[in-house]
């Protein structure tokens, strides 16, 4: 299946590059719906695009609630490649206690738990999102565009663009 370049991807990359000096410019919000039907929102870090695609990559801890809510299964090869590309300090985040549980006094330091350089640990999860709609807003220029994906008769991903009110 082929794919036409997503017109929103260059806008996102330009914004990230222009704001690279701002530490939190790589942060984004990920919202899910829990088993109880209630929404849940958290901050995640944009880790780039899956090679040769418009798929957005995010690293996370497989023990976190968002993984259960997303019911997503990572593909091993991409997971290993992503693991090797992140800094050691970031890898250490996946060696500690389960996220979201109370902190226990005396729990072991992360650096004493396991060697993070031998490949992805079980708790490391790579989320890959294949967007089919992107709502781009630039409040400074007062422009907003809605990008929607569709498939051609040959299975190619095509994008339509509609300018809408901010």
N, C-alpha and C. Protein backbone atom coordinates (compact mmCIF):
# COMPACT_ATOMS: atom_id res chain seq x y z
N UNK A 1 0.84 -1.17 0.00
CA UNK A 1 0.00 0.00 0.00
C UNK A 1 0.88 1.23 0.00
N UNK A 2 0.67 2.14 -0.94
CA UNK A 2 1.43 3.37 -1.03
C UNK A 2 0.85 4.45 -0.14
N UNK A 3 1.47 5.61 -0.18
CA UNK A 3 0.99 6.71 0.65
C UNK A 3 1.49 8.03 0.09
N UNK A 4 0.60 9.01 0.02
CA UNK A 4 1.00 10.36 -0.34
C UNK A 4 1.47 11.05 0.93
N UNK A 5 2.43 11.93 0.80
CA UNK A 5 2.97 12.62 1.98
C UNK A 5 1.86 13.40 2.69
N UNK A 6 1.81 13.27 3.99
CA UNK A 6 0.81 13.98 4.79
C UNK A 6 1.17 15.46 4.84
N UNK A 7 0.26 16.34 4.40
CA UNK A 7 0.59 17.77 4.38
C UNK A 7 0.80 18.37 5.76
N UNK A 8 0.25 17.76 6.80
CA UNK A 8 0.39 18.28 8.16
C UNK A 8 1.74 17.93 8.78
N UNK A 9 2.41 16.91 8.25
CA UNK A 9 3.67 16.44 8.84
C UNK A 9 4.74 17.53 8.79
N UNK A 10 4.86 18.22 7.67
CA UNK A 10 5.87 19.28 7.56
C UNK A 10 5.56 20.43 8.50
N UNK A 11 4.28 20.73 8.73
CA UNK A 11 3.91 21.78 9.67
C UNK A 11 4.34 21.41 11.09
N UNK A 12 4.12 20.16 11.46
CA UNK A 12 4.52 19.69 12.79
C UNK A 12 6.03 19.71 12.95
N UNK A 13 6.75 19.21 11.96
CA UNK A 13 8.22 19.19 12.04
C UNK A 13 8.80 20.60 12.10
N UNK A 14 8.22 21.53 11.33
CA UNK A 14 8.68 22.92 11.36
C UNK A 14 8.44 23.53 12.74
N UNK A 15 7.27 23.29 13.31
CA UNK A 15 6.96 23.82 14.64
C UNK A 15 7.90 23.24 15.69
N UNK A 16 8.19 21.95 15.61
CA UNK A 16 9.11 21.33 16.56
C UNK A 16 10.51 21.90 16.43
N UNK A 17 10.96 22.10 15.20
CA UNK A 17 12.30 22.65 14.97
C UNK A 17 12.37 24.09 15.45
N UNK A 18 11.35 24.89 15.16
CA UNK A 18 11.33 26.30 15.56
C UNK A 18 11.32 26.46 17.07
N UNK A 19 10.74 25.49 17.76
CA UNK A 19 10.60 25.58 19.21
C UNK A 19 11.48 24.58 19.95
N UNK A 20 12.46 24.02 19.26
CA UNK A 20 13.34 23.02 19.86
C UNK A 20 14.06 23.50 21.10
N UNK A 21 14.27 24.81 21.21
CA UNK A 21 14.94 25.37 22.38
C UNK A 21 14.05 25.35 23.63
N UNK A 22 12.76 25.10 23.44
CA UNK A 22 11.82 25.01 24.56
C UNK A 22 11.70 23.54 24.93
N UNK A 23 12.14 23.20 26.13
CA UNK A 23 12.22 21.79 26.54
C UNK A 23 10.90 21.04 26.37
N UNK A 24 9.80 21.66 26.70
CA UNK A 24 8.51 20.96 26.65
C UNK A 24 7.85 20.98 25.27
N UNK A 25 8.57 21.44 24.24
CA UNK A 25 7.97 21.48 22.90
C UNK A 25 7.69 20.09 22.33
N UNK A 26 8.31 19.05 22.87
CA UNK A 26 8.09 17.68 22.41
C UNK A 26 6.95 16.98 23.17
N UNK A 27 6.34 17.68 24.13
CA UNK A 27 5.28 17.08 24.92
C UNK A 27 3.94 17.22 24.20
N UNK A 28 3.10 16.22 24.35
CA UNK A 28 1.75 16.30 23.81
C UNK A 28 0.81 15.57 24.75
N UNK A 29 -0.46 15.78 24.55
CA UNK A 29 -1.46 15.16 25.41
C UNK A 29 -2.05 13.94 24.72
N UNK A 30 -2.19 12.86 25.48
CA UNK A 30 -2.79 11.63 24.98
C UNK A 30 -4.00 11.34 25.85
N UNK A 31 -5.16 11.30 25.23
CA UNK A 31 -6.39 11.02 25.96
C UNK A 31 -6.91 9.64 25.58
N UNK A 32 -7.42 8.94 26.57
CA UNK A 32 -8.02 7.62 26.37
C UNK A 32 -9.32 7.56 27.17
N UNK A 33 -10.04 6.48 27.01
CA UNK A 33 -11.24 6.24 27.80
C UNK A 33 -11.02 4.95 28.57
N UNK A 34 -11.21 5.01 29.88
CA UNK A 34 -10.99 3.85 30.73
C UNK A 34 -12.13 2.85 30.67
N UNK A 35 -11.95 1.71 31.31
CA UNK A 35 -12.97 0.67 31.35
C UNK A 35 -14.26 1.17 32.00
N UNK A 36 -14.12 2.19 32.86
CA UNK A 36 -15.28 2.77 33.53
C UNK A 36 -16.01 3.80 32.66
N UNK A 37 -15.52 4.01 31.42
CA UNK A 37 -16.15 4.95 30.51
C UNK A 37 -15.75 6.39 30.72
N UNK A 38 -14.86 6.64 31.66
CA UNK A 38 -14.43 8.01 31.96
C UNK A 38 -13.17 8.35 31.19
N UNK A 39 -13.06 9.61 30.76
CA UNK A 39 -11.85 10.02 30.03
C UNK A 39 -10.65 10.13 30.95
N UNK A 40 -9.48 9.92 30.37
CA UNK A 40 -8.22 10.04 31.09
C UNK A 40 -7.24 10.75 30.17
N UNK A 41 -6.48 11.68 30.69
CA UNK A 41 -5.54 12.45 29.88
C UNK A 41 -4.20 12.49 30.58
N UNK A 42 -3.14 12.38 29.78
CA UNK A 42 -1.79 12.46 30.35
C UNK A 42 -0.85 13.07 29.32
N UNK A 43 0.29 13.55 29.81
CA UNK A 43 1.33 14.11 28.95
C UNK A 43 2.29 13.00 28.56
N UNK A 44 2.61 12.94 27.26
CA UNK A 44 3.58 11.98 26.73
C UNK A 44 4.59 12.75 25.90
N UNK A 45 5.67 12.09 25.51
CA UNK A 45 6.74 12.74 24.75
C UNK A 45 6.72 12.24 23.31
N UNK A 46 6.65 13.16 22.37
CA UNK A 46 6.73 12.83 20.94
C UNK A 46 8.15 12.35 20.66
N UNK A 47 8.29 11.13 20.13
CA UNK A 47 9.61 10.55 19.86
C UNK A 47 9.93 10.49 18.38
N UNK A 48 9.10 11.07 17.55
CA UNK A 48 9.36 11.10 16.12
C UNK A 48 8.35 10.29 15.35
N UNK A 49 8.68 10.07 14.09
CA UNK A 49 7.82 9.31 13.20
C UNK A 49 8.44 7.95 12.92
N UNK A 50 7.60 6.95 12.77
CA UNK A 50 8.08 5.63 12.37
C UNK A 50 8.69 5.79 10.98
N UNK A 51 9.83 5.17 10.79
CA UNK A 51 10.61 5.33 9.56
C UNK A 51 9.76 5.11 8.31
N UNK A 52 9.82 6.09 7.39
CA UNK A 52 9.13 5.98 6.11
C UNK A 52 7.62 6.11 6.19
N UNK A 53 7.11 6.71 7.27
CA UNK A 53 5.66 6.83 7.40
C UNK A 53 5.29 8.12 8.13
N UNK A 54 3.99 8.30 8.29
CA UNK A 54 3.46 9.42 9.06
C UNK A 54 3.01 8.96 10.44
N UNK A 55 3.36 7.75 10.82
CA UNK A 55 2.96 7.19 12.11
C UNK A 55 3.77 7.81 13.24
N UNK A 56 3.08 8.27 14.26
CA UNK A 56 3.69 8.96 15.39
C UNK A 56 4.12 7.94 16.45
N UNK A 57 5.35 8.09 16.95
CA UNK A 57 5.89 7.18 17.97
C UNK A 57 5.92 7.85 19.34
N UNK A 58 5.54 7.07 20.34
CA UNK A 58 5.59 7.48 21.74
C UNK A 58 6.09 6.29 22.54
N UNK A 59 7.04 6.50 23.44
CA UNK A 59 7.51 5.45 24.34
C UNK A 59 6.69 5.51 25.62
N UNK A 60 6.43 4.36 26.20
CA UNK A 60 5.71 4.34 27.47
C UNK A 60 6.03 3.07 28.24
N UNK A 61 5.59 3.02 29.46
CA UNK A 61 5.77 1.85 30.32
C UNK A 61 4.58 0.91 30.09
N UNK A 62 4.85 -0.33 29.75
CA UNK A 62 3.77 -1.27 29.43
C UNK A 62 2.87 -1.55 30.63
N UNK A 63 3.33 -1.22 31.83
CA UNK A 63 2.53 -1.45 33.03
C UNK A 63 1.59 -0.29 33.32
N UNK A 64 1.67 0.77 32.51
CA UNK A 64 0.83 1.94 32.76
C UNK A 64 -0.60 1.70 32.31
N UNK A 65 -1.50 2.43 32.88
CA UNK A 65 -2.92 2.29 32.60
C UNK A 65 -3.25 2.59 31.14
N UNK A 66 -2.52 3.53 30.53
CA UNK A 66 -2.85 3.90 29.14
C UNK A 66 -2.68 2.73 28.19
N UNK A 67 -1.73 1.84 28.46
CA UNK A 67 -1.53 0.69 27.58
C UNK A 67 -2.74 -0.23 27.64
N UNK A 68 -3.23 -0.49 28.83
CA UNK A 68 -4.44 -1.31 28.96
C UNK A 68 -5.60 -0.63 28.25
N UNK A 69 -5.70 0.67 28.39
CA UNK A 69 -6.80 1.40 27.76
C UNK A 69 -6.69 1.41 26.24
N UNK A 70 -5.50 1.44 25.73
CA UNK A 70 -5.31 1.47 24.28
C UNK A 70 -5.39 0.09 23.63
N UNK A 71 -5.10 -0.94 24.43
CA UNK A 71 -5.11 -2.32 23.90
C UNK A 71 -4.26 -2.42 22.63
N UNK A 72 -3.03 -1.91 22.73
CA UNK A 72 -2.13 -1.86 21.57
C UNK A 72 -1.00 -2.86 21.74
N UNK A 73 -0.69 -3.61 20.71
CA UNK A 73 0.43 -4.56 20.74
C UNK A 73 1.57 -4.04 19.88
N UNK A 74 2.73 -3.72 20.46
CA UNK A 74 3.85 -3.21 19.67
C UNK A 74 4.49 -4.30 18.82
N UNK A 75 5.06 -3.91 17.71
CA UNK A 75 5.79 -4.84 16.85
C UNK A 75 7.23 -4.88 17.32
N UNK A 76 7.77 -6.06 17.50
CA UNK A 76 9.07 -6.26 18.15
C UNK A 76 10.21 -5.54 17.48
N UNK A 77 10.35 -5.61 16.16
CA UNK A 77 11.51 -5.01 15.50
C UNK A 77 11.54 -3.49 15.72
N UNK A 78 10.41 -2.84 15.57
CA UNK A 78 10.35 -1.39 15.75
C UNK A 78 10.62 -1.05 17.21
N UNK A 79 10.15 -1.88 18.11
CA UNK A 79 10.35 -1.65 19.54
C UNK A 79 11.83 -1.70 19.89
N UNK A 80 12.55 -2.69 19.37
CA UNK A 80 13.99 -2.81 19.65
C UNK A 80 14.77 -1.65 19.06
N UNK A 81 14.43 -1.24 17.86
CA UNK A 81 15.11 -0.11 17.22
C UNK A 81 14.87 1.17 18.03
N UNK A 82 13.64 1.37 18.46
CA UNK A 82 13.32 2.56 19.25
C UNK A 82 14.05 2.53 20.59
N UNK A 83 14.13 1.35 21.22
CA UNK A 83 14.83 1.20 22.50
C UNK A 83 16.29 1.62 22.37
N UNK A 84 16.94 1.17 21.32
CA UNK A 84 18.36 1.46 21.16
C UNK A 84 18.61 2.93 20.83
N UNK A 85 17.59 3.65 20.39
CA UNK A 85 17.78 5.05 20.01
C UNK A 85 17.56 6.02 21.17
N UNK A 86 17.04 5.55 22.30
CA UNK A 86 16.80 6.46 23.41
C UNK A 86 17.98 6.46 24.38
N UNK A 87 18.22 7.60 25.03
CA UNK A 87 19.36 7.70 25.95
C UNK A 87 19.22 6.75 27.15
N UNK A 88 20.36 6.36 27.70
CA UNK A 88 20.38 5.45 28.86
C UNK A 88 19.55 5.98 30.02
N UNK A 89 19.62 7.30 30.24
CA UNK A 89 18.86 7.89 31.35
C UNK A 89 17.36 7.67 31.15
N UNK A 90 16.90 7.77 29.91
CA UNK A 90 15.49 7.53 29.61
C UNK A 90 15.15 6.06 29.80
N UNK A 91 16.05 5.17 29.40
CA UNK A 91 15.81 3.72 29.56
C UNK A 91 15.61 3.36 31.03
N UNK A 92 16.33 4.04 31.91
CA UNK A 92 16.25 3.74 33.34
C UNK A 92 14.84 3.96 33.88
N UNK A 93 14.04 4.82 33.23
CA UNK A 93 12.68 5.08 33.69
C UNK A 93 11.82 3.81 33.68
N UNK A 94 12.18 2.85 32.84
CA UNK A 94 11.39 1.64 32.70
C UNK A 94 11.83 0.52 33.65
N UNK A 95 12.81 0.81 34.50
CA UNK A 95 13.35 -0.20 35.41
C UNK A 95 12.83 -0.06 36.84
N UNK A 96 12.11 1.01 37.10
CA UNK A 96 11.63 1.25 38.46
C UNK A 96 10.29 0.59 38.74
N UNK A 97 9.71 0.93 39.87
CA UNK A 97 8.41 0.39 40.25
C UNK A 97 7.31 0.81 39.27
N UNK A 98 6.19 0.13 39.33
CA UNK A 98 5.07 0.42 38.44
C UNK A 98 4.63 1.88 38.55
N UNK A 99 4.42 2.55 37.40
CA UNK A 99 3.95 3.93 37.44
C UNK A 99 2.52 4.00 37.98
N UNK A 100 2.23 5.05 38.72
CA UNK A 100 0.90 5.27 39.24
C UNK A 100 0.63 4.64 40.59
N UNK A 101 1.57 3.82 41.09
CA UNK A 101 1.40 3.22 42.42
C UNK A 101 2.07 4.11 43.46
N UNK A 102 1.65 4.02 44.71
CA UNK A 102 2.27 4.84 45.75
C UNK A 102 3.77 4.57 45.86
N UNK A 103 4.51 5.62 46.16
CA UNK A 103 5.96 5.51 46.36
C UNK A 103 6.20 4.85 47.72
N UNK A 104 7.05 3.84 47.73
CA UNK A 104 7.38 3.15 48.97
C UNK A 104 8.76 3.55 49.45
N UNK A 105 8.88 3.97 50.68
CA UNK A 105 10.17 4.32 51.25
C UNK A 105 11.06 3.08 51.23
N UNK A 106 12.28 3.24 50.77
CA UNK A 106 13.22 2.14 50.74
C UNK A 106 13.16 1.29 49.48
N UNK A 107 12.34 1.69 48.50
CA UNK A 107 12.33 0.89 47.27
C UNK A 107 13.67 1.04 46.57
N UNK A 108 14.13 0.01 45.85
CA UNK A 108 15.47 0.02 45.26
C UNK A 108 15.64 1.14 44.23
N UNK A 109 16.86 1.67 44.17
CA UNK A 109 17.18 2.68 43.17
C UNK A 109 17.15 2.03 41.80
N UNK A 110 16.73 2.76 40.79
CA UNK A 110 16.61 2.22 39.43
C UNK A 110 17.92 1.65 38.91
N UNK A 111 19.01 2.33 39.20
CA UNK A 111 20.30 1.87 38.65
C UNK A 111 20.75 0.52 39.21
N UNK A 112 20.12 0.09 40.32
CA UNK A 112 20.48 -1.20 40.92
C UNK A 112 19.61 -2.35 40.43
N UNK A 113 18.66 -2.08 39.59
CA UNK A 113 17.67 -3.09 39.24
C UNK A 113 18.09 -4.01 38.10
N UNK A 114 18.67 -3.47 37.03
CA UNK A 114 18.89 -4.29 35.85
C UNK A 114 19.72 -3.50 34.85
N UNK A 115 20.40 -4.20 33.96
CA UNK A 115 21.17 -3.56 32.89
C UNK A 115 20.21 -3.18 31.78
N UNK A 116 20.07 -1.88 31.51
CA UNK A 116 19.12 -1.41 30.50
C UNK A 116 19.71 -1.44 29.10
N UNK A 117 20.98 -1.82 28.95
CA UNK A 117 21.62 -1.78 27.62
C UNK A 117 21.50 -3.11 26.87
N UNK A 118 20.94 -4.13 27.48
CA UNK A 118 20.89 -5.45 26.85
C UNK A 118 19.65 -5.68 25.98
N UNK A 119 18.90 -4.66 25.72
CA UNK A 119 17.70 -4.79 24.90
C UNK A 119 16.50 -4.30 25.68
N UNK A 120 15.37 -4.16 25.01
CA UNK A 120 14.18 -3.63 25.69
C UNK A 120 13.77 -4.49 26.88
N UNK A 121 13.45 -3.83 27.96
CA UNK A 121 12.93 -4.52 29.13
C UNK A 121 11.43 -4.75 28.93
N UNK A 122 10.86 -5.70 29.66
CA UNK A 122 9.45 -6.04 29.48
C UNK A 122 8.52 -4.84 29.65
N UNK A 123 8.90 -3.91 30.51
CA UNK A 123 8.02 -2.78 30.80
C UNK A 123 8.07 -1.68 29.74
N UNK A 124 8.99 -1.80 28.77
CA UNK A 124 9.09 -0.78 27.72
C UNK A 124 8.10 -1.09 26.61
N UNK A 125 7.28 -0.11 26.28
CA UNK A 125 6.27 -0.27 25.25
C UNK A 125 6.40 0.89 24.26
N UNK A 126 6.34 0.59 22.99
CA UNK A 126 6.37 1.60 21.94
C UNK A 126 4.97 1.71 21.37
N UNK A 127 4.37 2.89 21.48
CA UNK A 127 3.06 3.14 20.90
C UNK A 127 3.27 3.80 19.55
N UNK A 128 2.60 3.30 18.53
CA UNK A 128 2.68 3.88 17.19
C UNK A 128 1.26 4.24 16.77
N UNK A 129 1.05 5.51 16.47
CA UNK A 129 -0.27 6.00 16.09
C UNK A 129 -0.29 6.30 14.60
N UNK A 130 -1.30 5.80 13.92
CA UNK A 130 -1.49 6.03 12.49
C UNK A 130 -2.67 7.00 12.35
N UNK A 131 -2.39 8.31 12.29
CA UNK A 131 -3.48 9.29 12.27
C UNK A 131 -4.31 9.21 10.99
N UNK A 132 -5.62 9.35 11.15
CA UNK A 132 -6.49 9.44 9.98
C UNK A 132 -7.16 10.80 9.90
N UNK A 133 -6.94 11.62 10.94
CA UNK A 133 -7.44 12.99 10.94
C UNK A 133 -6.53 13.83 11.82
N UNK A 134 -6.17 15.01 11.34
CA UNK A 134 -5.32 15.93 12.10
C UNK A 134 -5.97 17.31 12.06
N UNK A 135 -6.16 17.89 13.23
CA UNK A 135 -6.72 19.23 13.36
C UNK A 135 -5.57 20.15 13.74
N UNK A 136 -5.12 20.96 12.79
CA UNK A 136 -3.96 21.84 12.99
C UNK A 136 -4.45 23.26 13.24
N UNK A 137 -4.03 23.84 14.36
CA UNK A 137 -4.41 25.21 14.72
C UNK A 137 -3.15 26.02 14.96
N UNK A 138 -3.07 27.20 14.34
CA UNK A 138 -2.00 28.14 14.60
C UNK A 138 -2.67 29.44 15.03
N UNK A 139 -2.72 29.68 16.32
CA UNK A 139 -3.43 30.85 16.84
C UNK A 139 -2.74 32.15 16.48
N UNK A 140 -1.43 32.12 16.32
CA UNK A 140 -0.70 33.33 15.96
C UNK A 140 -1.13 33.84 14.58
N UNK A 141 -1.26 32.94 13.63
CA UNK A 141 -1.69 33.34 12.28
C UNK A 141 -3.20 33.25 12.12
N UNK A 142 -3.89 32.80 13.16
CA UNK A 142 -5.34 32.62 13.15
C UNK A 142 -5.79 31.70 12.01
N UNK A 143 -5.04 30.62 11.82
CA UNK A 143 -5.38 29.65 10.78
C UNK A 143 -5.60 28.28 11.42
N UNK A 144 -6.55 27.58 10.86
CA UNK A 144 -6.85 26.23 11.31
C UNK A 144 -7.20 25.37 10.10
N UNK A 145 -6.61 24.20 10.04
CA UNK A 145 -6.85 23.29 8.92
C UNK A 145 -7.21 21.92 9.48
N UNK A 146 -8.16 21.27 8.81
CA UNK A 146 -8.54 19.91 9.15
C UNK A 146 -8.08 19.01 8.02
N UNK A 147 -7.20 18.07 8.36
CA UNK A 147 -6.66 17.12 7.39
C UNK A 147 -7.33 15.77 7.63
N UNK A 148 -7.87 15.16 6.57
CA UNK A 148 -8.54 13.87 6.69
C UNK A 148 -7.94 12.89 5.69
N UNK A 149 -7.69 11.69 6.16
CA UNK A 149 -7.14 10.64 5.31
C UNK A 149 -8.26 9.80 4.71
N UNK A 150 -8.01 9.34 3.51
CA UNK A 150 -8.90 8.38 2.85
C UNK A 150 -8.02 7.46 2.03
N UNK A 151 -8.60 6.41 1.51
CA UNK A 151 -7.83 5.46 0.69
C UNK A 151 -8.27 5.56 -0.76
N UNK A 152 -7.30 5.54 -1.65
CA UNK A 152 -7.61 5.52 -3.08
C UNK A 152 -8.04 4.11 -3.48
N UNK A 153 -8.47 3.95 -4.70
CA UNK A 153 -8.88 2.63 -5.19
C UNK A 153 -7.71 1.66 -5.22
N UNK A 154 -6.48 2.19 -5.21
CA UNK A 154 -5.27 1.35 -5.20
C UNK A 154 -4.72 1.14 -3.79
N UNK A 155 -5.45 1.61 -2.79
CA UNK A 155 -5.03 1.41 -1.41
C UNK A 155 -4.05 2.46 -0.90
N UNK A 156 -3.83 3.52 -1.66
CA UNK A 156 -2.92 4.58 -1.21
C UNK A 156 -3.64 5.50 -0.23
N UNK A 157 -2.90 5.97 0.76
CA UNK A 157 -3.45 6.91 1.73
C UNK A 157 -3.39 8.30 1.13
N UNK A 158 -4.54 8.95 1.02
CA UNK A 158 -4.63 10.29 0.46
C UNK A 158 -5.15 11.24 1.54
N UNK A 159 -4.69 12.48 1.48
CA UNK A 159 -5.10 13.48 2.47
C UNK A 159 -5.88 14.59 1.81
N UNK A 160 -7.00 14.97 2.41
CA UNK A 160 -7.74 16.16 1.97
C UNK A 160 -7.52 17.24 3.02
N UNK A 161 -7.57 18.49 2.59
CA UNK A 161 -7.33 19.62 3.49
C UNK A 161 -8.51 20.57 3.41
N UNK A 162 -9.02 20.97 4.57
CA UNK A 162 -10.10 21.94 4.62
C UNK A 162 -9.72 23.03 5.62
N UNK A 163 -9.78 24.30 5.17
CA UNK A 163 -9.53 25.39 6.11
C UNK A 163 -10.83 25.64 6.87
N UNK A 164 -10.71 25.67 8.19
CA UNK A 164 -11.87 25.91 9.05
C UNK A 164 -11.56 27.06 10.00
N UNK A 165 -12.58 27.57 10.66
CA UNK A 165 -12.38 28.68 11.58
C UNK A 165 -11.62 28.22 12.82
N UNK A 166 -10.69 29.10 13.29
CA UNK A 166 -9.93 28.73 14.50
C UNK A 166 -10.83 28.60 15.72
